[in-house]
């Protein structure tokens, strides 16, 4: 069953008296419970696409819908995990996790308390409820960021390079932890990243976008079962897929006959 449907989507920006086409005729769907990752060269419109799905950016052509309902702005059916945790330093971890629920005003006090406790435990921070963000590492802060998004009970979880600000070792660890959390939370995920092996490791399907104006160049169904361990990244089949995707990402527009509109 399709949960998120993007059809013939185009996005334009007005920059320095020029009409810049950022996304051109993008069409893709995300199935219920699927983990879909998007990669592509810098400036291809990945983040613009995610922000459109989040309801934070308008678009000029096409449609974006969740469960058949067209998106016209932010909504409780979506939550975004950005690159930086952006936690409120004056709130405890439990207070930060509760914040999204408080803004929705659809949970009573008991439910918010129970959901905050549940998702703090789910992301492996049990015992840190009364700590403040300054007392946590970068990886732990991103766990709080993820718990806050999940506690709000979104239909679709949008993740915009959530591990990009972490050191390499912590990033690897967080990838493995995310898969465990996702398996338990059973959410539909749209995941944006520049790191190709991260996308392959995490995703059910991987979308490769072209250089600007961004459009869907290819889609890969990742052939590895679950659960996955980090050792999968050394599998020859994994490396073969990674090489193929790198080739697609590195292709220049003139080599594939594509016209860039400025």
C-alpha atoms as a PDB file:
ATOM      1  CA  UNK A   1       0.000   0.000   0.000  1.00  0.00           C
ATOM      2  CA  UNK A   2       1.373   3.404  -0.997  1.00  0.00           C
ATOM      3  CA  UNK A   3       1.713   5.761   1.966  1.00  0.00           C
ATOM      4  CA  UNK A   4       3.444   8.756   0.338  1.00  0.00           C
ATOM      5  CA  UNK A   5       2.895   9.651  -3.329  1.00  0.00           C
ATOM      6  CA  UNK A   6       4.863  12.333  -5.204  1.00  0.00           C
ATOM      7  CA  UNK A   7       3.699  12.900  -8.776  1.00  0.00           C
ATOM      8  CA  UNK A   8       5.177  15.181 -11.464  1.00  0.00           C
ATOM      9  CA  UNK A   9       6.579  17.556  -8.863  1.00  0.00           C
ATOM     10  CA  UNK A  10       8.494  20.672  -9.940  1.00  0.00           C
ATOM     11  CA  UNK A  11      10.022  23.373  -7.754  1.00  0.00           C
ATOM     12  CA  UNK A  12      11.377  26.768  -8.885  1.00  0.00           C
ATOM     13  CA  UNK A  13      13.319  29.424  -7.002  1.00  0.00           C
ATOM     14  CA  UNK A  14      13.849  33.065  -7.944  1.00  0.00           C
ATOM     15  CA  UNK A  15      17.527  33.873  -7.435  1.00  0.00           C
ATOM     16  CA  UNK A  16      19.387  36.990  -8.593  1.00  0.00           C
ATOM     17  CA  UNK A  17      16.707  37.874 -11.151  1.00  0.00           C
ATOM     18  CA  UNK A  18      16.796  34.333 -12.544  1.00  0.00           C
ATOM     19  CA  UNK A  19      14.223  31.575 -12.526  1.00  0.00           C
ATOM     20  CA  UNK A  20      16.047  28.491 -11.188  1.00  0.00           C
ATOM     21  CA  UNK A  21      14.434  25.110 -11.704  1.00  0.00           C
ATOM     22  CA  UNK A  22      15.466  23.035  -8.670  1.00  0.00           C
ATOM     23  CA  UNK A  23      13.230  19.963  -9.169  1.00  0.00           C
ATOM     24  CA  UNK A  24      11.770  18.805 -12.459  1.00  0.00           C
ATOM     25  CA  UNK A  25       8.934  16.304 -12.860  1.00  0.00           C
ATOM     26  CA  UNK A  26       9.817  14.215  -9.806  1.00  0.00           C
ATOM     27  CA  UNK A  27       7.618  11.166  -9.322  1.00  0.00           C
ATOM     28  CA  UNK A  28       8.090   8.493  -6.673  1.00  0.00           C
ATOM     29  CA  UNK A  29       6.103   6.608  -4.069  1.00  0.00           C
ATOM     30  CA  UNK A  30       6.891   5.248  -0.625  1.00  0.00           C
ATOM     31  CA  UNK A  31       5.045   2.176   0.596  1.00  0.00           C
ATOM     32  CA  UNK A  32       3.585   1.807   4.063  1.00  0.00           C
ATOM     33  CA  UNK A  33       6.385   0.862   6.466  1.00  0.00           C
ATOM     34  CA  UNK A  34       9.074   1.248   3.821  1.00  0.00           C
ATOM     35  CA  UNK A  35      12.482   2.830   4.386  1.00  0.00           C
ATOM     36  CA  UNK A  36      13.253   4.875   1.256  1.00  0.00           C
ATOM     37  CA  UNK A  37      16.589   6.686   0.930  1.00  0.00           C
ATOM     38  CA  UNK A  38      17.445   9.427  -1.562  1.00  0.00           C
ATOM     39  CA  UNK A  39      20.964  10.250  -2.743  1.00  0.00           C
ATOM     40  CA  UNK A  40      22.304  12.577  -5.417  1.00  0.00           C
ATOM     41  CA  UNK A  41      24.921  15.250  -6.100  1.00  0.00           C
ATOM     42  CA  UNK A  42      25.023  18.425  -4.031  1.00  0.00           C
ATOM     43  CA  UNK A  43      22.404  20.917  -5.150  1.00  0.00           C
ATOM     44  CA  UNK A  44      20.136  18.327  -6.770  1.00  0.00           C
ATOM     45  CA  UNK A  45      17.160  19.298  -4.613  1.00  0.00           C
ATOM     46  CA  UNK A  46      17.100  16.454  -2.058  1.00  0.00           C
ATOM     47  CA  UNK A  47      16.473  18.739   0.905  1.00  0.00           C
ATOM     48  CA  UNK A  48      14.002  20.852  -1.076  1.00  0.00           C
ATOM     49  CA  UNK A  49      12.060  17.683  -1.818  1.00  0.00           C
ATOM     50  CA  UNK A  50      11.989  16.685   1.847  1.00  0.00           C
ATOM     51  CA  UNK A  51      10.907  20.184   2.902  1.00  0.00           C
ATOM     52  CA  UNK A  52       8.086  20.093   0.351  1.00  0.00           C
ATOM     53  CA  UNK A  53       6.880  16.774   1.790  1.00  0.00           C
ATOM     54  CA  UNK A  54       7.156  18.304   5.270  1.00  0.00           C
ATOM     55  CA  UNK A  55       4.898  21.133   4.103  1.00  0.00           C
ATOM     56  CA  UNK A  56       7.602  23.757   4.690  1.00  0.00           C
ATOM     57  CA  UNK A  57       8.073  24.736   1.026  1.00  0.00           C
ATOM     58  CA  UNK A  58       5.512  25.517  -1.694  1.00  0.00           C
ATOM     59  CA  UNK A  59       5.845  23.944  -5.127  1.00  0.00           C
ATOM     60  CA  UNK A  60       4.701  25.011  -8.554  1.00  0.00           C
ATOM     61  CA  UNK A  61       3.597  21.822 -10.314  1.00  0.00           C
ATOM     62  CA  UNK A  62       2.543  18.294  -9.414  1.00  0.00           C
ATOM     63  CA  UNK A  63       1.065  16.769  -6.274  1.00  0.00           C
ATOM     64  CA  UNK A  64       2.299  15.397  -2.952  1.00  0.00           C
ATOM     65  CA  UNK A  65      -0.092  13.271  -0.914  1.00  0.00           C
ATOM     66  CA  UNK A  66      -0.127  11.045   2.163  1.00  0.00           C
ATOM     67  CA  UNK A  67      -2.802   8.345   2.203  1.00  0.00           C
ATOM     68  CA  UNK A  68      -4.311  10.071  -0.824  1.00  0.00           C
ATOM     69  CA  UNK A  69      -4.660  13.429   0.960  1.00  0.00           C
ATOM     70  CA  UNK A  70      -2.816  16.315  -0.704  1.00  0.00           C
ATOM     71  CA  UNK A  71      -0.218  18.075   1.442  1.00  0.00           C
ATOM     72  CA  UNK A  72      -0.818  21.814   1.754  1.00  0.00           C
ATOM     73  CA  UNK A  73       1.350  22.623   4.779  1.00  0.00           C
ATOM     74  CA  UNK A  74       2.846  21.115   7.948  1.00  0.00           C
ATOM     75  CA  UNK A  75       0.755  18.455   9.647  1.00  0.00           C
ATOM     76  CA  UNK A  76       0.705  15.996  12.512  1.00  0.00           C
ATOM     77  CA  UNK A  77       1.033  13.134  10.033  1.00  0.00           C
ATOM     78  CA  UNK A  78       4.701  14.080   9.470  1.00  0.00           C
ATOM     79  CA  UNK A  79       7.721  14.673  11.692  1.00  0.00           C
ATOM     80  CA  UNK A  80      11.185  15.830  10.627  1.00  0.00           C
ATOM     81  CA  UNK A  81      14.551  14.827  12.060  1.00  0.00           C
ATOM     82  CA  UNK A  82      17.051  17.429  10.891  1.00  0.00           C
ATOM     83  CA  UNK A  83      20.845  17.274  10.762  1.00  0.00           C
ATOM     84  CA  UNK A  84      21.164  19.161  14.055  1.00  0.00           C
ATOM     85  CA  UNK A  85      19.218  18.041  17.096  1.00  0.00           C
ATOM     86  CA  UNK A  86      18.120  21.627  17.962  1.00  0.00           C
ATOM     87  CA  UNK A  87      17.109  20.656  21.474  1.00  0.00           C
ATOM     88  CA  UNK A  88      15.890  23.236  23.972  1.00  0.00           C
ATOM     89  CA  UNK A  89      18.772  23.638  26.443  1.00  0.00           C
ATOM     90  CA  UNK A  90      16.476  24.667  29.303  1.00  0.00           C
ATOM     91  CA  UNK A  91      14.372  21.518  28.999  1.00  0.00           C
ATOM     92  CA  UNK A  92      15.296  18.100  30.299  1.00  0.00           C
ATOM     93  CA  UNK A  93      15.494  15.166  27.897  1.00  0.00           C
ATOM     94  CA  UNK A  94      11.969  14.133  28.879  1.00  0.00           C
ATOM     95  CA  UNK A  95      10.805  17.723  28.361  1.00  0.00           C
ATOM     96  CA  UNK A  96      12.349  17.847  24.892  1.00  0.00           C
ATOM     97  CA  UNK A  97      10.755  14.555  23.893  1.00  0.00           C
ATOM     98  CA  UNK A  98       7.363  15.814  25.075  1.00  0.00           C
ATOM     99  CA  UNK A  99       7.578  19.052  23.096  1.00  0.00           C
ATOM    100  CA  UNK A 100       6.100  17.806  19.807  1.00  0.00           C
ATOM    101  CA  UNK A 101       3.202  16.180  21.641  1.00  0.00           C
ATOM    102  CA  UNK A 102       2.529  19.371  23.563  1.00  0.00           C
ATOM    103  CA  UNK A 103       2.367  21.387  20.344  1.00  0.00           C
ATOM    104  CA  UNK A 104      -0.179  18.971  18.853  1.00  0.00           C
ATOM    105  CA  UNK A 105      -2.480  19.208  21.875  1.00  0.00           C
ATOM    106  CA  UNK A 106      -3.980  15.814  21.148  1.00  0.00           C
ATOM    107  CA  UNK A 107      -2.372  13.873  24.015  1.00  0.00           C
ATOM    108  CA  UNK A 108      -3.371  14.099  27.656  1.00  0.00           C
ATOM    109  CA  UNK A 109      -0.762  14.466  30.389  1.00  0.00           C
ATOM    110  CA  UNK A 110      -0.637  10.780  31.270  1.00  0.00           C
ATOM    111  CA  UNK A 111      -0.255   9.749  27.622  1.00  0.00           C
ATOM    112  CA  UNK A 112       2.541  12.261  27.034  1.00  0.00           C
ATOM    113  CA  UNK A 113       4.391  11.047  30.103  1.00  0.00           C
ATOM    114  CA  UNK A 114       4.056   7.398  29.073  1.00  0.00           C
ATOM    115  CA  UNK A 115       4.992   8.013  25.437  1.00  0.00           C
ATOM    116  CA  UNK A 116       8.029  10.100  26.420  1.00  0.00           C
ATOM    117  CA  UNK A 117       9.206   7.327  28.731  1.00  0.00           C
ATOM    118  CA  UNK A 118       8.619   4.671  26.060  1.00  0.00           C
ATOM    119  CA  UNK A 119      10.536   6.416  23.283  1.00  0.00           C
ATOM    120  CA  UNK A 120      13.392   7.499  25.533  1.00  0.00           C
ATOM    121  CA  UNK A 121      13.796   3.832  26.389  1.00  0.00           C
ATOM    122  CA  UNK A 122      13.430   2.827  22.721  1.00  0.00           C
ATOM    123  CA  UNK A 123      16.361   5.039  21.666  1.00  0.00           C
ATOM    124  CA  UNK A 124      18.517   3.688  24.486  1.00  0.00           C
ATOM    125  CA  UNK A 125      18.477   6.671  26.843  1.00  0.00           C
ATOM    126  CA  UNK A 126      16.674   5.135  29.783  1.00  0.00           C
ATOM    127  CA  UNK A 127      17.947   6.838  32.944  1.00  0.00           C
ATOM    128  CA  UNK A 128      18.716  10.137  31.207  1.00  0.00           C
ATOM    129  CA  UNK A 129      15.204  11.588  31.451  1.00  0.00           C
ATOM    130  CA  UNK A 130      16.225  14.344  33.877  1.00  0.00           C
ATOM    131  CA  UNK A 131      19.477  15.242  32.154  1.00  0.00           C
ATOM    132  CA  UNK A 132      19.877  18.360  30.005  1.00  0.00           C
ATOM    133  CA  UNK A 133      21.134  18.453  26.386  1.00  0.00           C
ATOM    134  CA  UNK A 134      24.485  19.962  27.421  1.00  0.00           C
ATOM    135  CA  UNK A 135      25.168  16.814  29.442  1.00  0.00           C
ATOM    136  CA  UNK A 136      24.798  14.541  26.393  1.00  0.00           C
ATOM    137  CA  UNK A 137      27.107  13.693  23.501  1.00  0.00           C
ATOM    138  CA  UNK A 138      26.182  14.570  19.911  1.00  0.00           C
ATOM    139  CA  UNK A 139      25.016  11.039  19.223  1.00  0.00           C
ATOM    140  CA  UNK A 140      22.858  11.005  22.350  1.00  0.00           C
ATOM    141  CA  UNK A 141      21.315  14.348  21.395  1.00  0.00           C
ATOM    142  CA  UNK A 142      20.319  12.936  18.016  1.00  0.00           C
ATOM    143  CA  UNK A 143      18.687  10.027  19.821  1.00  0.00           C
ATOM    144  CA  UNK A 144      16.598  12.565  21.731  1.00  0.00           C
ATOM    145  CA  UNK A 145      15.776  14.277  18.422  1.00  0.00           C
ATOM    146  CA  UNK A 146      14.577  10.952  17.024  1.00  0.00           C
ATOM    147  CA  UNK A 147      12.607  10.105  20.172  1.00  0.00           C
ATOM    148  CA  UNK A 148      10.879  13.513  20.011  1.00  0.00           C
ATOM    149  CA  UNK A 149       9.820  12.865  16.406  1.00  0.00           C
ATOM    150  CA  UNK A 150       8.585   9.337  17.097  1.00  0.00           C
ATOM    151  CA  UNK A 151       6.695  10.349  20.238  1.00  0.00           C
ATOM    152  CA  UNK A 152       4.553  12.688  18.146  1.00  0.00           C
ATOM    153  CA  UNK A 153       3.295   9.564  16.309  1.00  0.00           C
ATOM    154  CA  UNK A 154       3.784  10.679  12.681  1.00  0.00           C
ATOM    155  CA  UNK A 155       2.543   8.631   9.741  1.00  0.00           C
ATOM    156  CA  UNK A 156       5.734   9.457   7.819  1.00  0.00           C
ATOM    157  CA  UNK A 157       9.127  10.159   9.383  1.00  0.00           C
ATOM    158  CA  UNK A 158      11.312  12.548   7.346  1.00  0.00           C
ATOM    159  CA  UNK A 159      15.059  12.450   8.016  1.00  0.00           C
ATOM    160  CA  UNK A 160      17.389  15.046   6.483  1.00  0.00           C
ATOM    161  CA  UNK A 161      20.988  13.849   6.909  1.00  0.00           C
ATOM    162  CA  UNK A 162      20.436  13.212  10.624  1.00  0.00           C
ATOM    163  CA  UNK A 163      23.945  11.823  11.210  1.00  0.00           C
ATOM    164  CA  UNK A 164      25.979  14.228   9.070  1.00  0.00           C
ATOM    165  CA  UNK A 165      27.221  16.254  12.057  1.00  0.00           C
ATOM    166  CA  UNK A 166      28.485  13.180  13.932  1.00  0.00           C
ATOM    167  CA  UNK A 167      31.991  11.749  13.891  1.00  0.00           C
ATOM    168  CA  UNK A 168      32.508   8.705  11.648  1.00  0.00           C
ATOM    169  CA  UNK A 169      32.440   6.090  14.424  1.00  0.00           C
ATOM    170  CA  UNK A 170      29.321   7.500  16.080  1.00  0.00           C
ATOM    171  CA  UNK A 171      27.631   7.769  12.686  1.00  0.00           C
ATOM    172  CA  UNK A 172      28.189   4.074  11.982  1.00  0.00           C
ATOM    173  CA  UNK A 173      26.838   3.147  15.399  1.00  0.00           C
ATOM    174  CA  UNK A 174      23.783   5.370  14.961  1.00  0.00           C
ATOM    175  CA  UNK A 175      22.978   3.786  11.599  1.00  0.00           C
ATOM    176  CA  UNK A 176      22.794   0.366  13.224  1.00  0.00           C
ATOM    177  CA  UNK A 177      20.736   1.747  16.097  1.00  0.00           C
ATOM    178  CA  UNK A 178      18.336   3.481  13.717  1.00  0.00           C
ATOM    179  CA  UNK A 179      17.518   0.184  12.016  1.00  0.00           C
ATOM    180  CA  UNK A 180      16.687  -1.388  15.378  1.00  0.00           C
ATOM    181  CA  UNK A 181      14.499   1.569  16.352  1.00  0.00           C
ATOM    182  CA  UNK A 182      12.781   1.659  12.950  1.00  0.00           C
ATOM    183  CA  UNK A 183      11.999  -2.067  13.134  1.00  0.00           C
ATOM    184  CA  UNK A 184      10.237  -1.542  16.466  1.00  0.00           C
ATOM    185  CA  UNK A 185       8.529   1.746  15.617  1.00  0.00           C
ATOM    186  CA  UNK A 186       7.149   0.490  12.250  1.00  0.00           C
ATOM    187  CA  UNK A 187       7.218   3.906  10.571  1.00  0.00           C
ATOM    188  CA  UNK A 188       7.388   4.893   6.913  1.00  0.00           C
ATOM    189  CA  UNK A 189      10.705   6.713   6.431  1.00  0.00           C
ATOM    190  CA  UNK A 190      11.993   9.124   3.789  1.00  0.00           C
ATOM    191  CA  UNK A 191      15.736   9.497   4.402  1.00  0.00           C
ATOM    192  CA  UNK A 192      18.034  12.046   2.735  1.00  0.00           C
ATOM    193  CA  UNK A 193      21.806  11.522   2.751  1.00  0.00           C
ATOM    194  CA  UNK A 194      24.997  12.302   0.844  1.00  0.00           C
ATOM    195  CA  UNK A 195      26.622   9.086   2.071  1.00  0.00           C
ATOM    196  CA  UNK A 196      25.851   6.322  -0.404  1.00  0.00           C
ATOM    197  CA  UNK A 197      26.880   3.371   1.752  1.00  0.00           C
ATOM    198  CA  UNK A 198      24.658   4.737   4.539  1.00  0.00           C
ATOM    199  CA  UNK A 199      21.691   4.779   2.158  1.00  0.00           C
ATOM    200  CA  UNK A 200      22.339   1.226   0.925  1.00  0.00           C
ATOM    201  CA  UNK A 201      22.750  -0.081   4.462  1.00  0.00           C
ATOM    202  CA  UNK A 202      19.545   1.497   5.767  1.00  0.00           C
ATOM    203  CA  UNK A 203      17.078   1.404   2.892  1.00  0.00           C
ATOM    204  CA  UNK A 204      14.604  -0.989   1.322  1.00  0.00           C
ATOM    205  CA  UNK A 205      14.822   1.078  -1.868  1.00  0.00           C
ATOM    206  CA  UNK A 206      17.259   3.773  -2.902  1.00  0.00           C
ATOM    207  CA  UNK A 207      16.453   6.661  -5.251  1.00  0.00           C
ATOM    208  CA  UNK A 208      19.278   8.313  -7.209  1.00  0.00           C
ATOM    209  CA  UNK A 209      18.572  11.887  -8.247  1.00  0.00           C
ATOM    210  CA  UNK A 210      20.216  13.780 -11.092  1.00  0.00           C
ATOM    211  CA  UNK A 211      22.088  17.054 -10.905  1.00  0.00           C
ATOM    212  CA  UNK A 212      19.944  20.205 -10.979  1.00  0.00           C
ATOM    213  CA  UNK A 213      17.214  20.316 -12.010  1.00  0.00           C
ATOM    214  CA  UNK A 214      16.770  17.237  -9.860  1.00  0.00           C
ATOM    215  CA  UNK A 215      14.722  14.366 -11.183  1.00  0.00           C
ATOM    216  CA  UNK A 216      14.662  10.637 -10.482  1.00  0.00           C
ATOM    217  CA  UNK A 217      17.496   9.069 -12.442  1.00  0.00           C
ATOM    218  CA  UNK A 218      17.206   5.500 -11.138  1.00  0.00           C
ATOM    219  CA  UNK A 219      15.698   3.433  -8.327  1.00  0.00           C
ATOM    220  CA  UNK A 220      17.407   0.448  -6.693  1.00  0.00           C
ATOM    221  CA  UNK A 221      15.683  -2.197  -4.617  1.00  0.00           C
ATOM    222  CA  UNK A 222      18.247  -3.195  -2.000  1.00  0.00           C
ATOM    223  CA  UNK A 223      18.529  -7.018  -2.062  1.00  0.00           C
ATOM    224  CA  UNK A 224      19.706  -7.601   1.509  1.00  0.00           C
ATOM    225  CA  UNK A 225      17.428  -9.052   4.158  1.00  0.00           C
ATOM    226  CA  UNK A 226      16.940  -7.793   7.678  1.00  0.00           C
ATOM    227  CA  UNK A 227      18.187  -7.509  10.344  1.00  0.00           C
ATOM    228  CA  UNK A 228      21.451  -6.075   9.001  1.00  0.00           C
ATOM    229  CA  UNK A 229      24.809  -5.691  10.699  1.00  0.00           C
ATOM    230  CA  UNK A 230      27.531  -3.187   9.855  1.00  0.00           C
ATOM    231  CA  UNK A 231      29.658  -6.027   8.460  1.00  0.00           C
ATOM    232  CA  UNK A 232      27.269  -5.990   5.469  1.00  0.00           C
ATOM    233  CA  UNK A 233      29.175  -2.953   4.183  1.00  0.00           C
ATOM    234  CA  UNK A 234      32.136  -5.244   3.420  1.00  0.00           C
ATOM    235  CA  UNK A 235      30.047  -7.705   1.394  1.00  0.00           C
ATOM    236  CA  UNK A 236      31.177  -7.769  -2.288  1.00  0.00           C
ATOM    237  CA  UNK A 237      27.548  -7.435  -3.426  1.00  0.00           C
ATOM    238  CA  UNK A 238      27.181  -4.323  -1.255  1.00  0.00           C
ATOM    239  CA  UNK A 239      30.327  -2.795  -2.741  1.00  0.00           C
ATOM    240  CA  UNK A 240      29.140  -3.587  -6.266  1.00  0.00           C
ATOM    241  CA  UNK A 241      25.877  -1.702  -5.674  1.00  0.00           C
ATOM    242  CA  UNK A 242      27.807   1.183  -4.107  1.00  0.00           C
ATOM    243  CA  UNK A 243      30.074   1.441  -7.173  1.00  0.00           C
ATOM    244  CA  UNK A 244      27.086   1.478  -9.520  1.00  0.00           C
ATOM    245  CA  UNK A 245      25.355   4.243  -7.581  1.00  0.00           C
ATOM    246  CA  UNK A 246      28.552   6.305  -7.419  1.00  0.00           C
ATOM    247  CA  UNK A 247      28.807   6.086 -11.205  1.00  0.00           C
ATOM    248  CA  UNK A 248      25.278   7.440 -11.548  1.00  0.00           C
ATOM    249  CA  UNK A 249      25.844  10.247  -9.035  1.00  0.00           C
ATOM    250  CA  UNK A 250      29.081  11.325 -10.695  1.00  0.00           C
ATOM    251  CA  UNK A 251      27.665  11.438 -14.248  1.00  0.00           C
ATOM    252  CA  UNK A 252      27.699  14.948 -15.648  1.00  0.00           C
ATOM    253  CA  UNK A 253      24.493  16.293 -17.247  1.00  0.00           C
ATOM    254  CA  UNK A 254      26.081  16.572 -20.689  1.00  0.00           C
ATOM    255  CA  UNK A 255      27.040  12.904 -20.586  1.00  0.00           C
ATOM    256  CA  UNK A 256      23.434  11.834 -20.152  1.00  0.00           C
ATOM    257  CA  UNK A 257      21.915  14.386 -22.507  1.00  0.00           C
ATOM    258  CA  UNK A 258      20.220  16.424 -19.788  1.00  0.00           C
ATOM    259  CA  UNK A 259      19.680  20.165 -20.050  1.00  0.00           C
ATOM    260  CA  UNK A 260      20.142  22.238 -16.906  1.00  0.00           C
ATOM    261  CA  UNK A 261      17.721  25.151 -16.660  1.00  0.00           C
ATOM    262  CA  UNK A 262      19.033  28.297 -15.018  1.00  0.00           C
END
